[in-house]
PDB file of N, CA and C in Angstrom:
ATOM      1  N   MET A   1     -22.387-177.589 -60.608  1.00  0.00           N
ATOM      2  CA  MET A   1     -21.479-177.829 -59.509  1.00  0.00           C
ATOM      3  C   MET A   1     -21.114-179.308 -59.495  1.00  0.00           C
ATOM      4  N   ARG A   2     -19.825-179.590 -59.383  1.00  0.00           N
ATOM      5  CA  ARG A   2     -19.331-180.963 -59.309  1.00  0.00           C
ATOM      6  C   ARG A   2     -19.367-181.407 -57.852  1.00  0.00           C
ATOM      7  N   VAL A   3     -19.970-182.579 -57.606  1.00  0.00           N
ATOM      8  CA  VAL A   3     -20.124-183.047 -56.233  1.00  0.00           C
ATOM      9  C   VAL A   3     -19.624-184.476 -56.055  1.00  0.00           C
ATOM     10  N   ALA A   4     -19.293-184.768 -54.800  1.00  0.00           N
ATOM     11  CA  ALA A   4     -18.964-186.128 -54.392  1.00  0.00           C
ATOM     12  C   ALA A   4     -20.055-186.595 -53.444  1.00  0.00           C
ATOM     13  N   ILE A   5     -20.457-187.818 -53.598  1.00  0.00           N
ATOM     14  CA  ILE A   5     -21.433-188.445 -52.707  1.00  0.00           C
ATOM     15  C   ILE A   5     -20.664-189.251 -51.667  1.00  0.00           C
ATOM     16  N   TYR A   6     -21.110-189.160 -50.409  1.00  0.00           N
ATOM     17  CA  TYR A   6     -20.544-190.009 -49.359  1.00  0.00           C
ATOM     18  C   TYR A   6     -21.677-190.787 -48.711  1.00  0.00           C
ATOM     19  N   VAL A   7     -21.526-192.106 -48.672  1.00  0.00           N
ATOM     20  CA  VAL A   7     -22.510-192.974 -48.030  1.00  0.00           C
ATOM     21  C   VAL A   7     -21.805-193.830 -46.989  1.00  0.00           C
ATOM     22  N   GLN A   8     -22.520-194.088 -45.897  1.00  0.00           N
ATOM     23  CA  GLN A   8     -21.963-194.895 -44.816  1.00  0.00           C
ATOM     24  C   GLN A   8     -23.102-195.589 -44.115  1.00  0.00           C
ATOM     25  N   ASP A   9     -22.883-196.832 -43.737  1.00  0.00           N
ATOM     26  CA  ASP A   9     -23.906-197.567 -43.012  1.00  0.00           C
ATOM     27  C   ASP A   9     -23.257-198.617 -42.137  1.00  0.00           C
ATOM     28  N   SER A  10     -23.874-198.866 -41.003  1.00  0.00           N
ATOM     29  CA  SER A  10     -23.303-199.847 -40.082  1.00  0.00           C
ATOM     30  C   SER A  10     -24.289-200.961 -39.750  1.00  0.00           C
ATOM     31  N   THR A  11     -25.274-201.154 -40.602  1.00  0.00           N
ATOM     32  CA  THR A  11     -26.253-202.208 -40.341  1.00  0.00           C
ATOM     33  C   THR A  11     -25.837-203.502 -41.021  1.00  0.00           C
ATOM     34  N   VAL A  12     -26.519-204.555 -40.674  1.00  0.00           N
ATOM     35  CA  VAL A  12     -26.261-205.863 -41.272  1.00  0.00           C
ATOM     36  C   VAL A  12     -26.513-205.815 -42.781  1.00  0.00           C
ATOM     37  N   ARG A  13     -27.489-205.026 -43.185  1.00  0.00           N
ATOM     38  CA  ARG A  13     -27.839-204.919 -44.605  1.00  0.00           C
ATOM     39  C   ARG A  13     -27.107-203.763 -45.275  1.00  0.00           C
ATOM     40  N   ALA A  14     -25.900-203.486 -44.873  1.00  0.00           N
ATOM     41  CA  ALA A  14     -25.179-202.290 -45.311  1.00  0.00           C
ATOM     42  C   ALA A  14     -25.109-202.138 -46.829  1.00  0.00           C
ATOM     43  N   MET A  15     -24.806-203.191 -47.557  1.00  0.00           N
ATOM     44  CA  MET A  15     -24.649-203.053 -49.013  1.00  0.00           C
ATOM     45  C   MET A  15     -25.938-202.590 -49.667  1.00  0.00           C
ATOM     46  N   ILE A  16     -27.065-203.115 -49.225  1.00  0.00           N
ATOM     47  CA  ILE A  16     -28.364-202.687 -49.760  1.00  0.00           C
ATOM     48  C   ILE A  16     -28.612-201.240 -49.380  1.00  0.00           C
ATOM     49  N   ASP A  17     -28.368-200.903 -48.116  1.00  0.00           N
ATOM     50  CA  ASP A  17     -28.607-199.544 -47.645  1.00  0.00           C
ATOM     51  C   ASP A  17     -27.676-198.538 -48.321  1.00  0.00           C
ATOM     52  N   LEU A  18     -26.444-198.913 -48.588  1.00  0.00           N
ATOM     53  CA  LEU A  18     -25.520-198.019 -49.283  1.00  0.00           C
ATOM     54  C   LEU A  18     -26.034-197.709 -50.685  1.00  0.00           C
ATOM     55  N   ARG A  19     -26.546-198.714 -51.370  1.00  0.00           N
ATOM     56  CA  ARG A  19     -27.097-198.488 -52.711  1.00  0.00           C
ATOM     57  C   ARG A  19     -28.301-197.557 -52.651  1.00  0.00           C
ATOM     58  N   LYS A  20     -29.160-197.760 -51.645  1.00  0.00           N
ATOM     59  CA  LYS A  20     -30.334-196.884 -51.496  1.00  0.00           C
ATOM     60  C   LYS A  20     -29.911-195.459 -51.196  1.00  0.00           C
ATOM     61  N   GLN A  21     -28.922-195.297 -50.327  1.00  0.00           N
ATOM     62  CA  GLN A  21     -28.424-193.957 -50.025  1.00  0.00           C
ATOM     63  C   GLN A  21     -27.882-193.289 -51.289  1.00  0.00           C
ATOM     64  N   GLU A  22     -27.077-194.039 -52.034  1.00  0.00           N
ATOM     65  CA  GLU A  22     -26.493-193.473 -53.249  1.00  0.00           C
ATOM     66  C   GLU A  22     -27.571-193.091 -54.249  1.00  0.00           C
ATOM     67  N   GLN A  23     -28.568-193.939 -54.426  1.00  0.00           N
ATOM     68  CA  GLN A  23     -29.660-193.622 -55.354  1.00  0.00           C
ATOM     69  C   GLN A  23     -30.385-192.348 -54.927  1.00  0.00           C
ATOM     70  N   ALA A  24     -30.678-192.232 -53.628  1.00  0.00           N
ATOM     71  CA  ALA A  24     -31.373-191.045 -53.124  1.00  0.00           C
ATOM     72  C   ALA A  24     -30.519-189.794 -53.336  1.00  0.00           C
ATOM     73  N   LEU A  25     -29.227-189.906 -53.097  1.00  0.00           N
ATOM     74  CA  LEU A  25     -28.354-188.749 -53.265  1.00  0.00           C
ATOM     75  C   LEU A  25     -28.146-188.395 -54.736  1.00  0.00           C
ATOM     76  N   ARG A  26     -28.142-189.381 -55.607  1.00  0.00           N
ATOM     77  CA  ARG A  26     -28.057-189.096 -57.044  1.00  0.00           C
ATOM     78  C   ARG A  26     -29.315-188.358 -57.520  1.00  0.00           C
ATOM     79  N   ARG A  27     -30.485-188.767 -56.996  1.00  0.00           N
ATOM     80  CA  ARG A  27     -31.724-188.055 -57.341  1.00  0.00           C
ATOM     81  C   ARG A  27     -31.666-186.607 -56.850  1.00  0.00           C
ATOM     82  N   LEU A  28     -31.223-186.431 -55.609  1.00  0.00           N
ATOM     83  CA  LEU A  28     -31.098-185.088 -55.038  1.00  0.00           C
ATOM     84  C   LEU A  28     -30.137-184.237 -55.854  1.00  0.00           C
ATOM     85  N   ALA A  29     -29.010-184.809 -56.216  1.00  0.00           N
ATOM     86  CA  ALA A  29     -28.024-184.083 -57.018  1.00  0.00           C
ATOM     87  C   ALA A  29     -28.623-183.672 -58.364  1.00  0.00           C
ATOM     88  N   ALA A  30     -29.336-184.573 -59.000  1.00  0.00           N
ATOM     89  CA  ALA A  30     -29.961-184.264 -60.287  1.00  0.00           C
ATOM     90  C   ALA A  30     -30.978-183.141 -60.142  1.00  0.00           C
ATOM     91  N   GLU A  31     -31.788-183.185 -59.075  1.00  0.00           N
ATOM     92  CA  GLU A  31     -32.782-182.136 -58.831  1.00  0.00           C
ATOM     93  C   GLU A  31     -32.126-180.762 -58.658  1.00  0.00           C
ATOM     94  N   LYS A  32     -30.936-180.749 -58.071  1.00  0.00           N
ATOM     95  CA  LYS A  32     -30.234-179.486 -57.821  1.00  0.00           C
ATOM     96  C   LYS A  32     -29.326-179.079 -58.984  1.00  0.00           C
ATOM     97  N   GLY A  33     -29.269-179.919 -60.002  1.00  0.00           N
ATOM     98  CA  GLY A  33     -28.429-179.627 -61.150  1.00  0.00           C
ATOM     99  C   GLY A  33     -26.953-179.907 -60.921  1.00  0.00           C
ATOM    100  N   TYR A  34     -26.643-180.752 -59.944  1.00  0.00           N
ATOM    101  CA  TYR A  34     -25.260-181.106 -59.641  1.00  0.00           C
ATOM    102  C   TYR A  34     -24.781-182.216 -60.572  1.00  0.00           C
ATOM    103  N   GLU A  35     -23.498-182.239 -60.813  1.00  0.00           N
ATOM    104  CA  GLU A  35     -22.864-183.329 -61.555  1.00  0.00           C
ATOM    105  C   GLU A  35     -22.104-184.201 -60.546  1.00  0.00           C
ATOM    106  N   VAL A  36     -22.509-185.448 -60.411  1.00  0.00           N
ATOM    107  CA  VAL A  36     -21.830-186.368 -59.497  1.00  0.00           C
ATOM    108  C   VAL A  36     -20.560-186.856 -60.185  1.00  0.00           C
ATOM    109  N   VAL A  37     -19.413-186.568 -59.555  1.00  0.00           N
ATOM    110  CA  VAL A  37     -18.136-186.965 -60.141  1.00  0.00           C
ATOM    111  C   VAL A  37     -17.442-188.086 -59.362  1.00  0.00           C
ATOM    112  N   SER A  38     -17.865-188.303 -58.113  1.00  0.00           N
ATOM    113  CA  SER A  38     -17.241-189.350 -57.297  1.00  0.00           C
ATOM    114  C   SER A  38     -18.225-189.858 -56.259  1.00  0.00           C
ATOM    115  N   VAL A  39     -18.060-191.119 -55.880  1.00  0.00           N
ATOM    116  CA  VAL A  39     -18.839-191.712 -54.795  1.00  0.00           C
ATOM    117  C   VAL A  39     -17.852-192.396 -53.849  1.00  0.00           C
ATOM    118  N   PHE A  40     -17.988-192.087 -52.563  1.00  0.00           N
ATOM    119  CA  PHE A  40     -17.147-192.672 -51.526  1.00  0.00           C
ATOM    120  C   PHE A  40     -18.054-193.387 -50.540  1.00  0.00           C
ATOM    121  N   SER A  41     -17.603-194.524 -50.010  1.00  0.00           N
ATOM    122  CA  SER A  41     -18.463-195.264 -49.091  1.00  0.00           C
ATOM    123  C   SER A  41     -17.646-195.975 -48.022  1.00  0.00           C
ATOM    124  N   ASP A  42     -18.308-196.184 -46.899  1.00  0.00           N
ATOM    125  CA  ASP A  42     -17.743-196.967 -45.803  1.00  0.00           C
ATOM    126  C   ASP A  42     -18.833-197.851 -45.228  1.00  0.00           C
ATOM    127  N   ILE A  43     -18.435-199.032 -44.821  1.00  0.00           N
ATOM    128  CA  ILE A  43     -19.316-199.941 -44.091  1.00  0.00           C
ATOM    129  C   ILE A  43     -18.808-199.993 -42.668  1.00  0.00           C
ATOM    130  N   ASP A  44     -19.700-200.111 -41.753  1.00  0.00           N
ATOM    131  CA  ASP A  44     -19.452-200.228 -40.318  1.00  0.00           C
ATOM    132  C   ASP A  44     -18.046-199.848 -39.857  1.00  0.00           C
ATOM    133  N   PRO A  45     -17.909-198.688 -39.202  1.00  0.00           N
ATOM    134  CA  PRO A  45     -16.611-198.270 -38.682  1.00  0.00           C
ATOM    135  C   PRO A  45     -15.993-199.275 -37.707  1.00  0.00           C
ATOM    136  N   VAL A  46     -16.795-200.152 -37.115  1.00  0.00           N
ATOM    137  CA  VAL A  46     -16.242-201.185 -36.237  1.00  0.00           C
ATOM    138  C   VAL A  46     -15.461-202.204 -37.076  1.00  0.00           C
ATOM    139  N   VAL A  47     -16.014-202.533 -38.243  1.00  0.00           N
ATOM    140  CA  VAL A  47     -15.349-203.469 -39.148  1.00  0.00           C
ATOM    141  C   VAL A  47     -14.155-202.801 -39.819  1.00  0.00           C
ATOM    142  N   ASP A  48     -14.301-201.537 -40.203  1.00  0.00           N
ATOM    143  CA  ASP A  48     -13.243-200.797 -40.886  1.00  0.00           C
ATOM    144  C   ASP A  48     -12.980-199.492 -40.133  1.00  0.00           C
ATOM    145  N   PRO A  49     -12.285-199.571 -38.998  1.00  0.00           N
ATOM    146  CA  PRO A  49     -12.062-198.362 -38.196  1.00  0.00           C
ATOM    147  C   PRO A  49     -11.224-197.311 -38.919  1.00  0.00           C
ATOM    148  N   ASP A  50     -10.486-197.719 -39.942  1.00  0.00           N
ATOM    149  CA  ASP A  50      -9.689-196.759 -40.696  1.00  0.00           C
ATOM    150  C   ASP A  50     -10.530-195.922 -41.665  1.00  0.00           C
ATOM    151  N   ARG A  51     -11.752-196.373 -41.922  1.00  0.00           N
ATOM    152  CA  ARG A  51     -12.676-195.649 -42.799  1.00  0.00           C
ATOM    153  C   ARG A  51     -11.997-195.231 -44.108  1.00  0.00           C
ATOM    154  N   GLN A  52     -11.651-196.215 -44.889  1.00  0.00           N
ATOM    155  CA  GLN A  52     -10.929-195.951 -46.129  1.00  0.00           C
ATOM    156  C   GLN A  52     -11.685-195.020 -47.066  1.00  0.00           C
ATOM    157  N   GLY A  53     -13.011-195.145 -47.102  1.00  0.00           N
ATOM    158  CA  GLY A  53     -13.802-194.257 -47.946  1.00  0.00           C
ATOM    159  C   GLY A  53     -13.705-192.811 -47.493  1.00  0.00           C
ATOM    160  N   MET A  54     -13.799-192.578 -46.190  1.00  0.00           N
ATOM    161  CA  MET A  54     -13.685-191.217 -45.662  1.00  0.00           C
ATOM    162  C   MET A  54     -12.286-190.667 -45.892  1.00  0.00           C
ATOM    163  N   ASN A  55     -11.281-191.504 -45.694  1.00  0.00           N
ATOM    164  CA  ASN A  55      -9.911-191.051 -45.944  1.00  0.00           C
ATOM    165  C   ASN A  55      -9.722-190.643 -47.399  1.00  0.00           C
ATOM    166  N   ALA A  56     -10.275-191.418 -48.310  1.00  0.00           N
ATOM    167  CA  ALA A  56     -10.191-191.083 -49.739  1.00  0.00           C
ATOM    168  C   ALA A  56     -10.963-189.807 -50.041  1.00  0.00           C
ATOM    169  N   LEU A  57     -12.125-189.640 -49.406  1.00  0.00           N
ATOM    170  CA  LEU A  57     -12.912-188.413 -49.590  1.00  0.00           C
ATOM    171  C   LEU A  57     -12.106-187.197 -49.139  1.00  0.00           C
ATOM    172  N   ARG A  58     -11.495-187.292 -47.960  1.00  0.00           N
ATOM    173  CA  ARG A  58     -10.727-186.150 -47.443  1.00  0.00           C
ATOM    174  C   ARG A  58      -9.517-185.846 -48.324  1.00  0.00           C
ATOM    175  N   GLU A  59      -8.899-186.861 -48.862  1.00  0.00           N
ATOM    176  CA  GLU A  59      -7.785-186.638 -49.789  1.00  0.00           C
ATOM    177  C   GLU A  59      -8.279-185.914 -51.037  1.00  0.00           C
ATOM    178  N   ALA A  60      -9.425-186.340 -51.560  1.00  0.00           N
ATOM    179  CA  ALA A  60     -10.006-185.695 -52.743  1.00  0.00           C
ATOM    180  C   ALA A  60     -10.400-184.249 -52.443  1.00  0.00           C
ATOM    181  N   ILE A  61     -10.852-183.973 -51.228  1.00  0.00           N
ATOM    182  CA  ILE A  61     -11.167-182.598 -50.823  1.00  0.00           C
ATOM    183  C   ILE A  61      -9.894-181.757 -50.869  1.00  0.00           C
ATOM    184  N   ARG A  62      -8.808-182.288 -50.318  1.00  0.00           N
ATOM    185  CA  ARG A  62      -7.539-181.547 -50.323  1.00  0.00           C
ATOM    186  C   ARG A  62      -7.041-181.311 -51.748  1.00  0.00           C
ATOM    187  N   GLU A  63      -7.392-182.212 -52.661  1.00  0.00           N
ATOM    188  CA  GLU A  63      -7.002-182.066 -54.075  1.00  0.00           C
ATOM    189  C   GLU A  63      -8.017-181.242 -54.857  1.00  0.00           C
ATOM    190  N   ARG A  64      -9.094-180.843 -54.203  1.00  0.00           N
ATOM    191  CA  ARG A  64     -10.163-180.013 -54.802  1.00  0.00           C
ATOM    192  C   ARG A  64     -10.722-180.632 -56.081  1.00  0.00           C
ATOM    193  N   ARG A  65     -11.044-181.916 -55.991  1.00  0.00           N
ATOM    194  CA  ARG A  65     -11.568-182.633 -57.153  1.00  0.00           C
ATOM    195  C   ARG A  65     -13.043-182.355 -57.415  1.00  0.00           C
ATOM    196  N   PHE A  66     -13.716-181.678 -56.484  1.00  0.00           N
ATOM    197  CA  PHE A  66     -15.137-181.356 -56.634  1.00  0.00           C
ATOM    198  C   PHE A  66     -15.439-180.116 -55.804  1.00  0.00           C
ATOM    199  N   ASP A  67     -16.648-179.598 -55.972  1.00  0.00           N
ATOM    200  CA  ASP A  67     -17.046-178.345 -55.322  1.00  0.00           C
ATOM    201  C   ASP A  67     -17.837-178.556 -54.040  1.00  0.00           C
ATOM    202  N   ALA A  68     -18.427-179.724 -53.880  1.00  0.00           N
ATOM    203  CA  ALA A  68     -19.272-179.979 -52.715  1.00  0.00           C
ATOM    204  C   ALA A  68     -19.320-181.470 -52.403  1.00  0.00           C
ATOM    205  N   VAL A  69     -19.667-181.757 -51.151  1.00  0.00           N
ATOM    206  CA  VAL A  69     -19.901-183.120 -50.682  1.00  0.00           C
ATOM    207  C   VAL A  69     -21.366-183.222 -50.304  1.00  0.00           C
ATOM    208  N   VAL A  70     -22.029-184.282 -50.750  1.00  0.00           N
ATOM    209  CA  VAL A  70     -23.419-184.512 -50.351  1.00  0.00           C
ATOM    210  C   VAL A  70     -23.509-185.835 -49.591  1.00  0.00           C
ATOM    211  N   ALA A  71     -24.316-185.821 -48.546  1.00  0.00           N
ATOM    212  CA  ALA A  71     -24.577-187.013 -47.733  1.00  0.00           C
ATOM    213  C   ALA A  71     -25.980-186.870 -47.173  1.00  0.00           C
ATOM    214  N   LEU A  72     -26.551-187.967 -46.688  1.00  0.00           N
ATOM    215  CA  LEU A  72     -27.919-187.921 -46.176  1.00  0.00           C
ATOM    216  C   LEU A  72     -28.041-187.191 -44.853  1.00  0.00           C
ATOM    217  N   SER A  73     -27.028-187.304 -43.991  1.00  0.00           N
ATOM    218  CA  SER A  73     -27.076-186.614 -42.700  1.00  0.00           C
ATOM    219  C   SER A  73     -25.666-186.475 -42.151  1.00  0.00           C
ATOM    220  N   ALA A  74     -25.510-185.548 -41.206  1.00  0.00           N
ATOM    221  CA  ALA A  74     -24.191-185.287 -40.621  1.00  0.00           C
ATOM    222  C   ALA A  74     -23.615-186.527 -39.955  1.00  0.00           C
ATOM    223  N   ASP A  75     -24.471-187.359 -39.356  1.00  0.00           N
ATOM    224  CA  ASP A  75     -23.940-188.537 -38.665  1.00  0.00           C
ATOM    225  C   ASP A  75     -23.425-189.608 -39.621  1.00  0.00           C
ATOM    226  N   ARG A  76     -23.701-189.475 -40.913  1.00  0.00           N
ATOM    227  CA  ARG A  76     -23.080-190.377 -41.892  1.00  0.00           C
ATOM    228  C   ARG A  76     -21.617-189.997 -42.081  1.00  0.00           C
ATOM    229  N   LEU A  77     -21.311-188.715 -41.900  1.00  0.00           N
ATOM    230  CA  LEU A  77     -19.934-188.246 -42.029  1.00  0.00           C
ATOM    231  C   LEU A  77     -19.129-188.628 -40.783  1.00  0.00           C
ATOM    232  N   TYR A  78     -19.575-188.133 -39.646  1.00  0.00           N
ATOM    233  CA  TYR A  78     -18.925-188.426 -38.351  1.00  0.00           C
ATOM    234  C   TYR A  78     -19.971-188.395 -37.265  1.00  0.00           C
ATOM    235  N   GLN A  79     -19.805-189.252 -36.270  1.00  0.00           N
ATOM    236  CA  GLN A  79     -20.742-189.265 -35.163  1.00  0.00           C
ATOM    237  C   GLN A  79     -20.209-188.523 -33.950  1.00  0.00           C
ATOM    238  N   ASP A  80     -18.902-188.269 -33.916  1.00  0.00           N
ATOM    239  CA  ASP A  80     -18.381-187.513 -32.777  1.00  0.00           C
ATOM    240  C   ASP A  80     -18.147-186.058 -33.192  1.00  0.00           C
ATOM    241  N   ALA A  81     -18.389-185.165 -32.250  1.00  0.00           N
ATOM    242  CA  ALA A  81     -18.367-183.727 -32.513  1.00  0.00           C
ATOM    243  C   ALA A  81     -17.013-183.234 -33.009  1.00  0.00           C
ATOM    244  N   GLU A  82     -15.948-183.668 -32.380  1.00  0.00           N
ATOM    245  CA  GLU A  82     -14.611-183.180 -32.735  1.00  0.00           C
ATOM    246  C   GLU A  82     -14.275-183.509 -34.186  1.00  0.00           C
ATOM    247  N   SER A  83     -14.568-184.733 -34.611  1.00  0.00           N
ATOM    248  CA  SER A  83     -14.286-185.139 -36.000  1.00  0.00           C
ATOM    249  C   SER A  83     -15.164-184.377 -36.983  1.00  0.00           C
ATOM    250  N   LEU A  84     -16.432-184.183 -36.636  1.00  0.00           N
ATOM    251  CA  LEU A  84     -17.346-183.444 -37.508  1.00  0.00           C
ATOM    252  C   LEU A  84     -16.878-181.999 -37.676  1.00  0.00           C
ATOM    253  N   LEU A  85     -16.471-181.368 -36.572  1.00  0.00           N
ATOM    254  CA  LEU A  85     -15.969-180.000 -36.650  1.00  0.00           C
ATOM    255  C   LEU A  85     -14.684-179.924 -37.468  1.00  0.00           C
ATOM    256  N   GLY A  86     -13.815-180.897 -37.318  1.00  0.00           N
ATOM    257  CA  GLY A  86     -12.585-180.934 -38.104  1.00  0.00           C
ATOM    258  C   GLY A  86     -12.868-181.078 -39.589  1.00  0.00           C
ATOM    259  N   PHE A  87     -13.844-181.926 -39.920  1.00  0.00           N
ATOM    260  CA  PHE A  87     -14.246-182.110 -41.316  1.00  0.00           C
ATOM    261  C   PHE A  87     -14.797-180.802 -41.880  1.00  0.00           C
ATOM    262  N   ALA A  88     -15.648-180.140 -41.119  1.00  0.00           N
ATOM    263  CA  ALA A  88     -16.236-178.864 -41.563  1.00  0.00           C
ATOM    264  C   ALA A  88     -15.151-177.835 -41.823  1.00  0.00           C
ATOM    265  N   GLU A  89     -14.182-177.751 -40.933  1.00  0.00           N
ATOM    266  CA  GLU A  89     -13.096-176.783 -41.086  1.00  0.00           C
ATOM    267  C   GLU A  89     -12.239-177.106 -42.306  1.00  0.00           C
ATOM    268  N   GLU A  90     -11.949-178.378 -42.506  1.00  0.00           N
ATOM    269  CA  GLU A  90     -11.159-178.772 -43.672  1.00  0.00           C
ATOM    270  C   GLU A  90     -11.885-178.405 -44.968  1.00  0.00           C
ATOM    271  N   CYS A  91     -13.170-178.681 -45.029  1.00  0.00           N
ATOM    272  CA  CYS A  91     -13.950-178.329 -46.217  1.00  0.00           C
ATOM    273  C   CYS A  91     -13.944-176.820 -46.437  1.00  0.00           C
ATOM    274  N   ARG A  92     -14.140-176.065 -45.363  1.00  0.00           N
ATOM    275  CA  ARG A  92     -14.152-174.606 -45.467  1.00  0.00           C
ATOM    276  C   ARG A  92     -12.824-174.096 -46.024  1.00  0.00           C
ATOM    277  N   ARG A  93     -11.714-174.593 -45.474  1.00  0.00           N
ATOM    278  CA  ARG A  93     -10.386-174.159 -45.927  1.00  0.00           C
ATOM    279  C   ARG A  93     -10.153-174.471 -47.402  1.00  0.00           C
ATOM    280  N   MET A  94     -10.683-175.591 -47.869  1.00  0.00           N
ATOM    281  CA  MET A  94     -10.476-176.020 -49.252  1.00  0.00           C
ATOM    282  C   MET A  94     -11.516-175.436 -50.216  1.00  0.00           C
ATOM    283  N   GLY A  95     -12.494-174.717 -49.672  1.00  0.00           N
ATOM    284  CA  GLY A  95     -13.518-174.129 -50.522  1.00  0.00           C
ATOM    285  C   GLY A  95     -14.544-175.137 -51.020  1.00  0.00           C
ATOM    286  N   VAL A  96     -14.711-176.228 -50.275  1.00  0.00           N
ATOM    287  CA  VAL A  96     -15.668-177.278 -50.644  1.00  0.00           C
ATOM    288  C   VAL A  96     -16.906-177.140 -49.765  1.00  0.00           C
ATOM    289  N   GLN A  97     -18.060-177.021 -50.384  1.00  0.00           N
ATOM    290  CA  GLN A  97     -19.315-176.914 -49.651  1.00  0.00           C
ATOM    291  C   GLN A  97     -19.733-178.282 -49.123  1.00  0.00           C
ATOM    292  N   VAL A  98     -20.508-178.259 -48.055  1.00  0.00           N
ATOM    293  CA  VAL A  98     -21.081-179.488 -47.516  1.00  0.00           C
ATOM    294  C   VAL A  98     -22.588-179.359 -47.642  1.00  0.00           C
ATOM    295  N   ASP A  99     -23.184-180.164 -48.501  1.00  0.00           N
ATOM    296  CA  ASP A  99     -24.624-180.125 -48.740  1.00  0.00           C
ATOM    297  C   ASP A  99     -25.251-181.347 -48.060  1.00  0.00           C
ATOM    298  N   VAL A 100     -25.510-181.173 -46.780  1.00  0.00           N
ATOM    299  CA  VAL A 100     -26.097-182.219 -45.948  1.00  0.00           C
ATOM    300  C   VAL A 100     -27.231-181.560 -45.174  1.00  0.00           C
ATOM    301  N   PRO A 101     -28.440-182.122 -45.220  1.00  0.00           N
ATOM    302  CA  PRO A 101     -29.597-181.444 -44.625  1.00  0.00           C
ATOM    303  C   PRO A 101     -29.408-180.917 -43.208  1.00  0.00           C
ATOM    304  N   ASP A 102     -28.805-181.683 -42.327  1.00  0.00           N
ATOM    305  CA  ASP A 102     -28.697-181.254 -40.933  1.00  0.00           C
ATOM    306  C   ASP A 102     -27.281-180.822 -40.545  1.00  0.00           C
ATOM    307  N   PHE A 103     -26.437-180.530 -41.533  1.00  0.00           N
ATOM    308  CA  PHE A 103     -25.032-180.251 -41.241  1.00  0.00           C
ATOM    309  C   PHE A 103     -24.841-178.979 -40.417  1.00  0.00           C
ATOM    310  N   GLU A 104     -25.424-177.875 -40.851  1.00  0.00           N
ATOM    311  CA  GLU A 104     -25.262-176.606 -40.125  1.00  0.00           C
ATOM    312  C   GLU A 104     -25.801-176.723 -38.705  1.00  0.00           C
ATOM    313  N   GLU A 105     -26.924-177.387 -38.563  1.00  0.00           N
ATOM    314  CA  GLU A 105     -27.523-177.590 -37.235  1.00  0.00           C
ATOM    315  C   GLU A 105     -26.591-178.426 -36.352  1.00  0.00           C
ATOM    316  N   ALA A 106     -26.041-179.491 -36.902  1.00  0.00           N
ATOM    317  CA  ALA A 106     -25.141-180.351 -36.133  1.00  0.00           C
ATOM    318  C   ALA A 106     -23.893-179.587 -35.707  1.00  0.00           C
ATOM    319  N   ILE A 107     -23.355-178.753 -36.587  1.00  0.00           N
ATOM    320  CA  ILE A 107     -22.170-177.950 -36.256  1.00  0.00           C
ATOM    321  C   ILE A 107     -22.516-176.927 -35.185  1.00  0.00           C
ATOM    322  N   ALA A 108     -23.639-176.238 -35.359  1.00  0.00           N
ATOM    323  CA  ALA A 108     -24.053-175.214 -34.394  1.00  0.00           C
ATOM    324  C   ALA A 108     -24.242-175.799 -32.998  1.00  0.00           C
ATOM    325  N   GLU A 109     -24.766-176.996 -32.934  1.00  0.00           N
ATOM    326  CA  GLU A 109     -24.967-177.649 -31.638  1.00  0.00           C
ATOM    327  C   GLU A 109     -23.641-177.947 -30.950  1.00  0.00           C
ATOM    328  N   GLN A 110     -22.594-178.177 -31.713  1.00  0.00           N
ATOM    329  CA  GLN A 110     -21.315-178.583 -31.141  1.00  0.00           C
ATOM    330  C   GLN A 110     -20.415-177.412 -30.762  1.00  0.00           C
ATOM    331  N   ILE A 111     -20.589-176.262 -31.391  1.00  0.00           N
ATOM    332  CA  ILE A 111     -19.700-175.129 -31.137  1.00  0.00           C
ATOM    333  C   ILE A 111     -19.750-174.682 -29.672  1.00  0.00           C
ATOM    334  N   PRO A 112     -20.923-174.493 -29.050  1.00  0.00           N
ATOM    335  CA  PRO A 112     -20.920-174.120 -27.634  1.00  0.00           C
ATOM    336  C   PRO A 112     -20.253-175.178 -26.757  1.00  0.00           C
ATOM    337  N   ASN A 113     -20.472-176.446 -27.064  1.00  0.00           N
ATOM    338  CA  ASN A 113     -19.861-177.535 -26.296  1.00  0.00           C
ATOM    339  C   ASN A 113     -18.335-177.480 -26.398  1.00  0.00           C
ATOM    340  N   ARG A 114     -17.837-177.152 -27.577  1.00  0.00           N
ATOM    341  CA  ARG A 114     -16.401-177.101 -27.794  1.00  0.00           C
ATOM    342  C   ARG A 114     -15.791-175.950 -26.996  1.00  0.00           C
ATOM    343  N   ARG A 115     -16.452-174.808 -27.002  1.00  0.00           N
ATOM    344  CA  ARG A 115     -15.948-173.656 -26.249  1.00  0.00           C
ATOM    345  C   ARG A 115     -15.914-173.941 -24.766  1.00  0.00           C
ATOM    346  N   MET A 116     -16.945-174.628 -24.267  1.00  0.00           N
ATOM    347  CA  MET A 116     -17.001-174.944 -22.850  1.00  0.00           C
ATOM    348  C   MET A 116     -15.881-175.888 -22.453  1.00  0.00           C
ATOM    349  N   ALA A 117     -15.519-176.780 -23.361  1.00  0.00           N
ATOM    350  CA  ALA A 117     -14.480-177.762 -23.046  1.00  0.00           C
ATOM    351  C   ALA A 117     -13.078-177.162 -23.114  1.00  0.00           C
ATOM    352  N   ALA A 118     -12.936-176.055 -23.815  1.00  0.00           N
ATOM    353  CA  ALA A 118     -11.624-175.426 -24.001  1.00  0.00           C
ATOM    354  C   ALA A 118     -11.119-174.742 -22.747  1.00  0.00           C
TER     355      ALA A 118
END
């Protein structure tokens, strides 16, 4: 399976932490037999509110350049529920899996909240 890695960090030591995240995700991908074909990254959304790495990732998803996205946790993708749900739906429509340890749990937690708000 061809995968894209997404890393994001908002700490002062972001560059070091991004490298550690990428290394951990490359190990995970290797253990699962995945082929890493792309890496996307963002540093502090306050510094880069446009999230160029995420925008590039979403464009690559629409172009179906890989089969799955891997990240360390759902909050690395998005911290707000609406954006996370939108990302999940976009991936589903494009046939791209999301391999993130807490992704299904994070989505499940938000679905009742979304229905209540509707």
